[in-house]
Amino acid sequence: MKIIDVILTKSYTGFYFDDQKAIKKDAQKDGFMYVGEPLTEGFKEVRVPGEAISVQLVLENGAVGMGDCAAVQYSGAGGRDPLFLADEYLPFIEKHIKPMLIGEDVTTFKKVAEKYDRLKIDGKHLHTAIRYGITQALLSATAQANKKTMAEVIRDEYNPLHQILARVPIFAQSGDDRYINVDKMILKEVDSLPHALINNVKEKLGYNGEILLDYITWLKNRIIEKRHRADYQPILHVDVYGTIGIAFNDDYDRIVEYCRQLELAASPFKLRLEGPIDSGNREGTMLALKEIRRRLDEAMIGIEIVADEWCNTLEDIAYFADNKAGHILQIKTPDLGGLNNIAEAILYCKKAGIGAYSGGTCNETNLSAEATTSVAIACQADICLAKPGMDVDGGYMIVNNMMERVIHLANSRK
C-alpha cells in the first residue's frame, strides 16, 4: 500500500512551551503567564502557545494515516532539540520530506520508520518533533493498510511473543493546580499521581524541602480521606525538576536523608521522585542518579528514582539503564523522535531490569497520545502517561479510552 499524497497543516497542542531556565531562575507567575526575561534560545516570552504540524498521509485506497509533529513543554532544556514552531518548520517538511514520502510503501512499519527517523538533510538529523510526527503518521497508515490497530502493528513487528494485549497503569499529571487536580485523580482512581510540577525551590520545594514535605503529607491524607475503596493504593509520583539537588547543594547525604523523610510522609503509599537532581549534562546527571539510587537501596529506603532530564534518546536510555541510573527511566516520547525508538527503548529497559515509563509531555496532541499509548500497550511498559494537557480529565480520557478500545478489539481477534 503506497502513499499518494501528503497534507500538512498547522495545529496546536494540549498545552504550552515554557522556558524552564527562566522558571528555575524565579520568573514570576502573572495569572497563567510569566513575567520575566526568556533565557532559552527561540523563546520570545517565558510561556508561549504550544504548536504542532499535522501530517496526513493519503493512501492509494483512500485511507489516511495521521500524526502530529510535536515537542515537549520544556523545549531547548536538558539537551533537547530547540523550540518547535510550526511556521518555521512547515516549509521545511513541505520541501524536503513530502516529496520523499509520496510513493512510499507502508505495508510494514519498522523499515520505513527507521528510514525517516535516521534521515539527514544537509548533514543534519531532522528535529525530533518531525521524526515523531512522521512516524506516527506512518504507523497509522500501516495500521490502515493492514486493518489492524496501531498496537497490533507494533506488537507483531517488535514484540511478537506478547500476543495478549493488557492494560498498562496510567500516571496523571496535575500541573500547577496540585490540589484540585488531585481530587479529580482520586475520583477516577488513577493508578499513579499527581506529578505536582515542583519546578521552583522558593515556592514549591522549600529551601529545606519543607514545602514538598508538607504537600506529600497532605496528599497522603487526602487520598485516605476521599478514596471510595480502602484498597485504592495509587503510587505517588512527584516530578521535582532537579530542585532537590539545588536546595541541598547536590549533597548526597542530605538528599538521602530527605528522601527518608519523604518516604515516612508518604506511607503507606509508594513514592517515586522524578528528576531529583540535574547536573546540567548527561554524564553528571547519570552519575548522580546512579549514586542516589545506590545509596537509597543500601539504606533500604523504598523511594524509586525516575530519570528524566538528559535521558532523551534511545542511546541515552540504554546508557542510563546499563548504569542503573535510577529505578525507572522516563521514555519521554517526543524526545526520542521516531516511534520505532520508543518501542526499542521500552523493550531495552525491560531486558535490563529497569522500569520503563512511557512518558511524554502535556504539550502533545490527541494523535500523538493515541500513537504512543499504542506502543506502550504493545511493548508492555510499566506505566504510561495521561496526556496531553494539565487538566487531568482530557489526557486521562484520551489515554484510558484508547487503551481500553485497543485491548478489547485486538484480543477479540484471538
Protein backbone atom coordinates (compact mmCIF):
# COMPACT_ATOMS: atom_id res chain seq x y z
CA MET A 1 0.00 0.00 0.00
CA LYS A 2 1.57 3.28 -1.15
CA ILE A 3 1.26 6.93 -0.17
CA ILE A 4 -0.15 9.11 -2.97
CA ASP A 5 -0.37 12.48 -1.19
CA VAL A 6 0.83 14.28 1.94
CA ILE A 7 -1.21 17.06 3.55
CA LEU A 8 0.40 19.33 6.15
CA THR A 9 -1.40 21.76 8.45
CA LYS A 10 -0.50 23.96 11.41
CA SER A 11 -2.03 22.70 14.67
CA TYR A 12 -1.99 23.48 18.36
CA THR A 13 -1.02 21.20 21.21
CA GLY A 14 -2.72 20.50 24.53
CA PHE A 15 -0.51 22.90 26.49
CA TYR A 16 2.32 25.44 26.15
CA PHE A 17 6.05 25.78 25.62
CA ASP A 18 7.76 27.01 28.80
CA ASP A 19 11.28 28.38 29.24
CA GLN A 20 12.50 26.08 32.00
CA LYS A 21 15.71 28.01 32.56
CA ALA A 22 13.80 31.23 33.20
CA ILE A 23 11.33 29.49 35.53
CA LYS A 24 14.15 27.96 37.58
CA LYS A 25 15.62 31.46 37.85
CA ASP A 26 12.41 32.61 39.57
CA ALA A 27 10.38 34.04 36.67
CA GLN A 28 7.20 35.23 38.38
CA LYS A 29 3.69 33.97 37.61
CA ASP A 30 1.17 36.60 36.46
CA GLY A 31 -2.15 34.81 36.16
CA PHE A 32 -1.46 31.98 33.70
CA MET A 33 1.53 33.81 32.21
CA TYR A 34 5.04 34.50 33.44
CA VAL A 35 6.77 37.83 33.93
CA GLY A 36 10.48 37.86 33.21
CA GLU A 37 13.10 37.66 30.51
CA PRO A 38 13.29 34.43 28.49
CA LEU A 39 16.65 32.70 28.80
CA THR A 40 16.36 29.81 26.33
CA GLU A 41 17.07 30.31 22.63
CA GLY A 42 13.95 30.75 20.49
CA PHE A 43 11.64 31.92 23.28
CA LYS A 44 10.25 35.44 22.90
CA GLU A 45 8.39 35.07 26.20
CA VAL A 46 8.72 32.66 29.11
CA ARG A 47 5.45 30.92 28.15
CA VAL A 48 4.24 30.64 24.54
CA PRO A 49 1.41 28.60 22.96
CA GLY A 50 2.33 25.06 22.03
CA GLU A 51 2.30 24.35 18.30
CA ALA A 52 2.35 21.24 16.16
CA ILE A 53 2.30 20.25 12.49
CA SER A 54 -0.31 17.68 11.50
CA VAL A 55 0.72 15.15 8.86
CA GLN A 56 -1.90 13.30 6.81
CA LEU A 57 -0.72 10.50 4.52
CA VAL A 58 -3.28 9.70 1.83
CA LEU A 59 -3.06 6.08 0.69
CA GLU A 60 -3.95 4.65 -2.71
CA ASN A 61 -7.09 3.02 -1.28
CA GLY A 62 -8.30 6.38 0.08
CA ALA A 63 -7.42 5.67 3.73
CA VAL A 64 -5.48 8.35 5.63
CA GLY A 65 -2.69 7.86 8.16
CA MET A 66 -2.34 10.73 10.63
CA GLY A 67 0.26 12.01 13.07
CA ASP A 68 1.34 15.22 14.76
CA CYS A 69 4.82 16.70 14.89
CA ALA A 70 5.04 17.97 18.48
CA ALA A 71 7.74 18.76 21.04
CA VAL A 72 7.97 18.84 24.82
CA GLN A 73 6.87 21.66 27.12
CA TYR A 74 10.44 22.43 28.14
CA SER A 75 11.93 22.51 24.66
CA GLY A 76 15.58 23.51 24.44
CA ALA A 77 16.27 22.33 28.03
CA GLY A 78 18.15 19.28 29.28
CA GLY A 79 19.93 18.61 25.98
CA ARG A 80 16.73 18.62 23.90
CA ASP A 81 16.13 19.97 20.41
CA PRO A 82 15.17 23.66 20.15
CA LEU A 83 11.74 25.26 20.24
CA PHE A 84 9.47 23.80 17.55
CA LEU A 85 7.34 26.48 15.84
CA ALA A 86 5.06 25.40 13.01
CA ASP A 87 5.64 28.39 10.73
CA GLU A 88 9.37 27.76 10.84
CA TYR A 89 9.31 24.02 10.15
CA LEU A 90 6.27 23.55 7.90
CA PRO A 91 8.05 24.87 4.75
CA PHE A 92 11.00 22.59 5.55
CA ILE A 93 8.79 19.48 5.64
CA GLU A 94 6.95 20.59 2.51
CA LYS A 95 10.20 21.00 0.60
CA HIS A 96 12.36 18.14 1.87
CA ILE A 97 10.12 15.41 3.32
CA LYS A 98 6.84 15.46 1.42
CA PRO A 99 8.36 14.52 -1.97
CA MET A 100 10.15 11.57 -0.36
CA LEU A 101 7.00 10.28 1.34
CA ILE A 102 4.94 10.15 -1.83
CA GLY A 103 5.31 6.66 -3.25
CA GLU A 104 6.48 5.05 -0.01
CA ASP A 105 5.11 1.58 0.71
CA VAL A 106 3.55 1.42 4.20
CA THR A 107 2.66 -2.28 4.23
CA THR A 108 5.08 -2.66 7.16
CA PHE A 109 6.19 -0.05 9.67
CA LYS A 110 9.65 -0.71 11.05
CA LYS A 111 11.79 -0.30 7.95
CA VAL A 112 10.14 2.87 6.67
CA ALA A 113 10.04 4.39 10.18
CA GLU A 114 13.77 3.82 10.62
CA LYS A 115 14.41 5.46 7.26
CA TYR A 116 12.79 8.75 8.29
CA ASP A 117 14.00 8.60 11.87
CA ARG A 118 17.61 8.35 10.66
CA LEU A 119 17.25 10.68 7.71
CA LYS A 120 19.70 13.57 7.39
CA ILE A 121 19.13 16.76 5.39
CA ASP A 122 22.26 18.81 4.69
CA GLY A 123 24.13 16.54 7.08
CA LYS A 124 21.73 17.12 9.99
CA HIS A 125 19.15 14.84 11.58
CA LEU A 126 15.57 16.01 11.46
CA HIS A 127 14.18 17.81 14.51
CA THR A 128 12.82 15.22 16.95
CA ALA A 129 9.30 16.67 16.54
CA ILE A 130 9.37 15.98 12.79
CA ARG A 131 10.58 12.42 13.26
CA TYR A 132 7.92 11.96 15.94
CA GLY A 133 5.03 13.14 13.77
CA ILE A 134 6.12 11.45 10.55
CA THR A 135 6.46 8.05 12.24
CA GLN A 136 3.08 8.46 13.94
CA ALA A 137 1.52 9.01 10.53
CA LEU A 138 3.42 6.04 9.09
CA LEU A 139 2.25 3.79 11.94
CA SER A 140 -1.32 4.96 11.46
CA ALA A 141 -1.02 4.31 7.72
CA THR A 142 0.39 0.80 8.24
CA ALA A 143 -2.47 0.03 10.61
CA GLN A 144 -4.97 1.26 8.00
CA ALA A 145 -3.30 -0.75 5.24
CA ASN A 146 -3.41 -3.97 7.30
CA LYS A 147 -6.77 -3.42 9.00
CA LYS A 148 -5.12 -3.64 12.42
CA THR A 149 -4.80 -1.36 15.42
CA MET A 150 -1.53 0.53 15.79
CA ALA A 151 -0.76 -1.56 18.88
CA GLU A 152 -1.08 -4.78 16.89
CA VAL A 153 1.32 -3.46 14.25
CA ILE A 154 3.94 -2.65 16.90
CA ARG A 155 3.39 -5.92 18.74
CA ASP A 156 3.73 -8.00 15.60
CA GLU A 157 6.91 -6.23 14.44
CA TYR A 158 8.66 -5.64 17.78
CA ASN A 159 7.17 -7.90 20.44
CA PRO A 160 5.56 -10.88 18.67
CA LEU A 161 5.68 -13.24 21.66
CA HIS A 162 3.36 -10.91 23.59
CA GLN A 163 0.12 -11.90 21.89
CA ILE A 164 -2.45 -10.89 24.51
CA LEU A 165 -2.55 -7.13 24.99
CA ALA A 166 -3.09 -5.91 28.55
CA ARG A 167 -3.71 -2.65 30.34
CA VAL A 168 -0.74 -0.51 31.42
CA PRO A 169 -1.06 1.57 34.63
CA ILE A 170 -1.69 5.27 33.92
CA PHE A 171 0.10 8.21 35.52
CA ALA A 172 -1.74 11.56 35.53
CA GLN A 173 -0.11 14.99 35.86
CA SER A 174 -1.57 17.91 37.74
CA GLY A 175 0.47 20.88 36.60
CA ASP A 176 0.39 23.83 38.98
CA ASP A 177 -3.11 23.01 40.21
CA ARG A 178 -1.76 20.33 42.51
CA TYR A 179 -4.74 20.29 44.89
CA ILE A 180 -7.97 20.40 42.84
CA ASN A 181 -6.46 18.10 40.24
CA VAL A 182 -5.58 15.56 42.93
CA ASP A 183 -9.28 15.35 43.80
CA LYS A 184 -10.03 14.58 40.13
CA MET A 185 -7.44 11.81 40.17
CA ILE A 186 -8.83 10.29 43.36
CA LEU A 187 -12.36 10.34 41.94
CA LYS A 188 -11.19 8.50 38.81
CA GLU A 189 -8.88 6.20 40.79
CA VAL A 190 -5.85 6.98 38.67
CA ASP A 191 -3.08 4.40 39.09
CA SER A 192 -0.31 6.92 39.78
CA LEU A 193 -0.46 10.60 40.74
CA PRO A 194 -0.05 13.62 40.91
CA HIS A 195 3.15 14.92 39.13
CA ALA A 196 2.77 18.22 41.09
CA LEU A 197 5.20 20.30 38.97
CA ILE A 198 7.78 21.08 41.67
CA ASN A 199 9.95 23.26 39.40
CA ASN A 200 10.92 26.07 41.77
CA VAL A 201 12.78 25.86 45.09
CA LYS A 202 11.45 29.03 46.68
CA GLU A 203 7.71 28.50 46.14
CA LYS A 204 7.23 24.75 45.66
CA LEU A 205 10.01 22.77 47.35
CA GLY A 206 11.32 24.98 50.14
CA TYR A 207 14.99 25.64 50.85
CA ASN A 208 14.99 22.72 53.29
CA GLY A 209 12.36 20.76 51.36
CA GLU A 210 9.66 21.69 53.88
CA ILE A 211 7.03 22.78 51.33
CA LEU A 212 7.16 19.48 49.42
CA LEU A 213 7.21 17.52 52.68
CA ASP A 214 4.02 19.26 53.78
CA TYR A 215 2.47 18.62 50.37
CA ILE A 216 3.24 14.88 50.46
CA THR A 217 1.67 14.69 53.92
CA TRP A 218 -1.45 16.48 52.64
CA LEU A 219 -1.56 14.25 49.55
CA LYS A 220 -1.41 11.04 51.61
CA ASN A 221 -4.14 12.24 53.95
CA ARG A 222 -6.32 13.47 51.10
CA ILE A 223 -6.26 10.07 49.39
CA ILE A 224 -7.09 8.23 52.61
CA GLU A 225 -9.90 10.67 53.40
CA LYS A 226 -11.52 10.80 49.95
CA ARG A 227 -10.97 7.40 48.35
CA HIS A 228 -14.06 5.26 47.84
CA ARG A 229 -12.25 1.95 48.41
CA ALA A 230 -9.76 1.12 51.13
CA ASP A 231 -7.75 -0.93 48.63
CA TYR A 232 -7.23 2.04 46.29
CA GLN A 233 -3.45 2.37 46.64
CA PRO A 234 -2.08 4.70 43.98
CA ILE A 235 1.65 5.19 43.54
CA LEU A 236 2.68 8.75 44.40
CA HIS A 237 4.90 10.21 41.69
CA VAL A 238 6.29 13.72 42.02
CA ASP A 239 8.40 15.48 39.39
CA VAL A 240 10.87 17.82 41.10
CA TYR A 241 12.87 19.06 38.08
CA GLY A 242 16.25 18.93 39.82
CA THR A 243 15.16 21.22 42.66
CA ILE A 244 16.18 18.80 45.42
CA GLY A 245 19.74 18.94 44.15
CA ILE A 246 19.57 22.74 44.07
CA ALA A 247 18.12 23.02 47.58
CA PHE A 248 20.66 20.63 49.12
CA ASN A 249 23.67 21.75 47.03
CA ASP A 250 23.98 18.26 45.49
CA ASP A 251 24.90 16.83 48.90
CA TYR A 252 24.03 13.14 48.60
CA ASP A 253 23.87 12.57 52.35
CA ARG A 254 21.31 15.35 52.78
CA ILE A 255 19.34 14.20 49.73
CA VAL A 256 19.11 10.62 51.01
CA GLU A 257 18.07 11.77 54.48
CA TYR A 258 15.42 14.00 52.90
CA CYS A 259 14.17 11.00 50.89
CA ARG A 260 13.79 9.10 54.16
CA GLN A 261 11.57 11.90 55.49
CA LEU A 262 9.51 11.91 52.29
CA GLU A 263 9.03 8.14 52.46
CA LEU A 264 7.71 8.41 56.01
CA ALA A 265 5.37 11.24 55.00
CA ALA A 266 4.03 9.22 52.04
CA SER A 267 3.49 5.95 53.94
CA PRO A 268 1.53 3.72 53.37
CA PHE A 269 1.81 4.75 49.72
CA LYS A 270 4.82 4.09 47.49
CA LEU A 271 6.63 7.26 46.38
CA ARG A 272 8.56 7.98 43.19
CA LEU A 273 10.74 11.07 42.73
CA GLU A 274 11.37 12.16 39.17
CA GLY A 275 14.48 14.18 38.40
CA PRO A 276 15.76 14.84 41.95
CA ILE A 277 18.99 16.24 40.56
CA ASP A 278 20.10 17.82 37.28
CA SER A 279 23.84 18.30 36.86
CA GLY A 280 23.48 20.25 33.63
CA ASN A 281 24.85 17.49 31.40
CA ARG A 282 24.25 13.83 30.60
CA GLU A 283 27.30 12.31 32.29
CA GLY A 284 26.95 14.25 35.52
CA THR A 285 23.23 13.59 35.81
CA MET A 286 23.67 9.88 35.08
CA LEU A 287 26.37 9.53 37.73
CA ALA A 288 24.33 11.48 40.29
CA LEU A 289 21.20 9.37 39.79
CA LYS A 290 23.26 6.19 39.88
CA GLU A 291 24.77 7.22 43.21
CA ILE A 292 21.44 8.32 44.72
CA ARG A 293 19.85 5.02 43.72
CA ARG A 294 22.75 3.07 45.19
CA ARG A 295 22.54 4.93 48.50
CA LEU A 296 18.75 4.60 48.73
CA ASP A 297 18.95 0.87 48.05
CA GLU A 298 21.71 0.37 50.63
CA ALA A 299 19.71 2.33 53.22
CA MET A 300 16.61 0.28 52.32
CA ILE A 301 14.64 3.44 51.56
CA GLY A 302 11.80 2.40 49.29
CA ILE A 303 11.55 5.57 47.20
CA GLU A 304 12.07 4.95 43.49
CA ILE A 305 14.09 7.45 41.47
CA VAL A 306 12.84 8.29 37.97
CA ALA A 307 15.31 9.62 35.41
CA ASP A 308 14.14 12.32 33.00
CA GLU A 309 16.46 15.22 32.10
CA TRP A 310 19.38 14.26 29.82
CA CYS A 311 17.89 10.79 29.30
CA ASN A 312 16.45 11.78 25.94
CA THR A 313 17.49 9.49 23.08
CA LEU A 314 17.47 5.73 22.67
CA GLU A 315 21.23 5.81 23.22
CA ASP A 316 20.77 7.84 26.43
CA ILE A 317 18.17 5.39 27.72
CA ALA A 318 20.45 2.41 27.10
CA TYR A 319 23.29 4.28 28.86
CA PHE A 320 21.19 5.13 31.93
CA ALA A 321 19.69 1.62 32.02
CA ASP A 322 23.05 -0.12 31.82
CA ASN A 323 24.35 2.04 34.68
CA LYS A 324 21.20 1.68 36.82
CA ALA A 325 20.91 5.47 36.92
CA GLY A 326 17.55 5.47 38.68
CA HIS A 327 14.95 2.78 39.25
CA ILE A 328 12.71 3.86 36.36
CA LEU A 329 13.52 5.70 33.15
CA GLN A 330 11.09 8.10 31.58
CA ILE A 331 10.95 7.42 27.86
CA LYS A 332 9.99 11.00 27.03
CA THR A 333 8.36 10.12 23.78
CA PRO A 334 8.78 13.32 21.70
CA ASP A 335 12.49 13.44 22.59
CA LEU A 336 13.14 10.03 21.05
CA GLY A 337 11.96 11.10 17.62
CA GLY A 338 10.63 8.05 15.80
CA LEU A 339 8.10 5.74 17.42
CA ASN A 340 10.46 2.92 16.47
CA ASN A 341 12.86 4.23 19.12
CA ILE A 342 10.10 4.28 21.74
CA ALA A 343 9.35 0.60 21.14
CA GLU A 344 13.04 -0.27 21.28
CA ALA A 345 13.53 1.80 24.45
CA ILE A 346 10.69 0.11 26.37
CA LEU A 347 11.94 -3.34 25.42
CA TYR A 348 15.55 -2.41 26.28
CA CYS A 349 14.55 -1.23 29.77
CA LYS A 350 12.60 -4.39 30.42
CA LYS A 351 15.52 -6.55 29.32
CA ALA A 352 17.89 -4.52 31.51
CA GLY A 353 15.65 -4.93 34.56
CA ILE A 354 14.83 -1.26 34.96
CA GLY A 355 11.38 0.35 34.94
CA ALA A 356 10.04 1.60 31.59
CA TYR A 357 7.85 4.70 31.91
CA SER A 358 6.26 5.59 28.57
CA GLY A 359 6.00 9.29 29.22
CA GLY A 360 5.93 12.40 27.12
CA THR A 361 4.62 15.86 27.78
CA CYS A 362 1.50 17.86 28.45
CA ASN A 363 2.39 19.70 25.24
CA GLU A 364 1.31 16.91 22.87
CA THR A 365 -1.88 16.20 20.93
CA ASN A 366 -4.61 13.58 20.92
CA LEU A 367 -2.98 11.87 17.93
CA SER A 368 0.48 11.60 19.49
CA ALA A 369 -1.06 10.39 22.76
CA GLU A 370 -3.01 7.65 20.98
CA ALA A 371 0.01 6.52 18.96
CA THR A 372 2.38 6.33 21.93
CA THR A 373 -0.24 4.66 24.11
CA SER A 374 -0.44 2.01 21.39
CA VAL A 375 3.32 1.48 21.60
CA ALA A 376 3.18 1.31 25.40
CA ILE A 377 0.49 -1.39 25.28
CA ALA A 378 2.28 -3.41 22.60
CA CYS A 379 5.62 -3.40 24.43
CA GLN A 380 4.07 -3.57 27.93
CA ALA A 381 5.63 -0.50 29.51
CA ASP A 382 5.44 -0.38 33.31
CA ILE A 383 3.50 2.88 33.30
CA CYS A 384 2.02 5.24 30.71
CA LEU A 385 1.45 9.00 30.95
CA ALA A 386 -2.02 10.52 30.60
CA LYS A 387 -1.60 13.30 28.05
CA PRO A 388 -1.89 15.93 26.68
CA GLY A 389 -2.80 18.88 28.89
CA MET A 390 -2.66 19.56 32.62
CA ASP A 391 -6.38 19.38 33.39
CA VAL A 392 -6.25 15.62 34.16
CA ASP A 393 -9.61 14.86 32.54
CA GLY A 394 -8.75 15.36 28.88
CA GLY A 395 -5.46 13.47 28.88
CA TYR A 396 -6.76 10.67 31.09
CA MET A 397 -9.81 10.26 28.85
CA ILE A 398 -7.72 10.04 25.68
CA VAL A 399 -5.17 7.54 27.00
CA ASN A 400 -7.53 5.41 29.09
CA ASN A 401 -10.19 5.12 26.40
CA MET A 402 -7.64 4.40 23.67
CA MET A 403 -6.13 1.69 25.84
CA GLU A 404 -9.47 0.02 26.54
CA ARG A 405 -10.63 0.16 22.91
CA VAL A 406 -7.43 -1.27 21.53
CA ILE A 407 -7.08 -4.05 24.11
CA HIS A 408 -10.62 -5.31 23.67
CA LEU A 409 -10.59 -5.07 19.88
CA ALA A 410 -7.20 -6.74 19.45
CA ASN A 411 -7.90 -9.51 21.94
CA SER A 412 -11.29 -10.22 20.33
CA ARG A 413 -9.40 -11.43 17.27
CA LYS A 414 -7.62 -14.18 19.18
